[in-house]
Amino acid sequence: MISRIQDYAIINGCRSLEISVRADQLAAISICEWFGMEKWGTKKRFAYVNDQFLEGYYYAKDLD
């Protein structure tokens, strides 16, 4: 599915893909890294879940 998103983005002139992911979403993180996305940032208080803040990560991939 991500490859379809990338293909669609390229066809429509996008130059990069970006995604933000909670630190506890390990499967999503693995997919981002497998797909060649680079983690470029971390936010300590990314999401508030079950009365606590969770860290989050920002990923990006250049398409050009």
Protein backbone atom coordinates (compact mmCIF):
# COMPACT_ATOMS: atom_id res chain seq x y z
CA MET A 1 0.00 0.00 0.00
CA ILE A 2 2.79 2.44 0.79
CA SER A 3 4.33 1.88 -2.64
CA ARG A 4 0.97 2.84 -4.20
CA ILE A 5 0.93 6.00 -2.12
CA GLN A 6 4.46 6.80 -3.25
CA ASP A 7 3.58 6.17 -6.90
CA TYR A 8 0.50 8.38 -6.61
CA ALA A 9 2.52 11.13 -4.93
CA ILE A 10 5.20 11.08 -7.65
CA ILE A 11 2.62 11.15 -10.47
CA ASN A 12 0.95 14.14 -8.82
CA GLY A 13 4.14 16.15 -8.35
CA CYS A 14 4.86 15.57 -4.67
CA ARG A 15 8.52 15.73 -3.75
CA SER A 16 8.41 14.03 -0.35
CA LEU A 17 6.32 11.86 1.95
CA GLU A 18 6.00 12.56 5.67
CA ILE A 19 4.39 10.66 8.51
CA SER A 20 4.18 10.98 12.28
CA VAL A 21 3.99 7.86 14.46
CA ARG A 22 3.54 7.20 18.16
CA ALA A 23 6.56 5.50 19.71
CA ASP A 24 4.44 2.51 20.80
CA GLN A 25 3.32 1.75 17.23
CA LEU A 26 6.21 -0.61 16.54
CA ALA A 27 4.74 -2.18 13.40
CA ALA A 28 4.25 1.25 11.79
CA ILE A 29 7.81 2.25 12.71
CA SER A 30 9.17 -0.94 11.16
CA ILE A 31 7.23 -0.33 7.95
CA CYS A 32 8.47 3.27 7.72
CA GLU A 33 12.08 2.18 8.17
CA TRP A 34 11.73 -0.78 5.79
CA PHE A 35 10.29 1.60 3.19
CA GLY A 36 13.37 3.81 3.44
CA MET A 37 11.89 6.66 5.44
CA GLU A 38 14.28 8.60 7.66
CA LYS A 39 13.41 9.52 11.24
CA TRP A 40 14.09 13.24 11.44
CA GLY A 41 12.47 14.23 14.72
CA THR A 42 11.12 13.21 18.10
CA LYS A 43 8.46 14.85 20.23
CA LYS A 44 8.35 13.89 23.90
CA ARG A 45 4.68 14.79 24.42
CA PHE A 46 3.29 13.59 21.10
CA ALA A 47 0.03 12.00 22.25
CA TYR A 48 -1.92 11.69 25.49
CA VAL A 49 -3.18 8.14 26.03
CA ASN A 50 -4.49 6.50 29.20
CA ASP A 51 -3.54 9.46 31.39
CA GLN A 52 0.05 9.67 30.17
CA PHE A 53 2.00 11.34 27.43
CA LEU A 54 3.62 9.19 24.76
CA GLU A 55 6.62 10.05 22.63
CA GLY A 56 6.25 10.28 18.87
CA TYR A 57 8.52 10.25 15.84
CA TYR A 58 8.51 12.10 12.53
CA TYR A 59 9.60 10.29 9.36
CA ALA A 60 10.20 11.59 5.83
CA LYS A 61 11.29 10.29 2.44
CA ASP A 62 12.40 12.42 -0.51
CA LEU A 63 10.83 11.37 -3.81
CA ASP A 64 13.05 13.31 -6.20
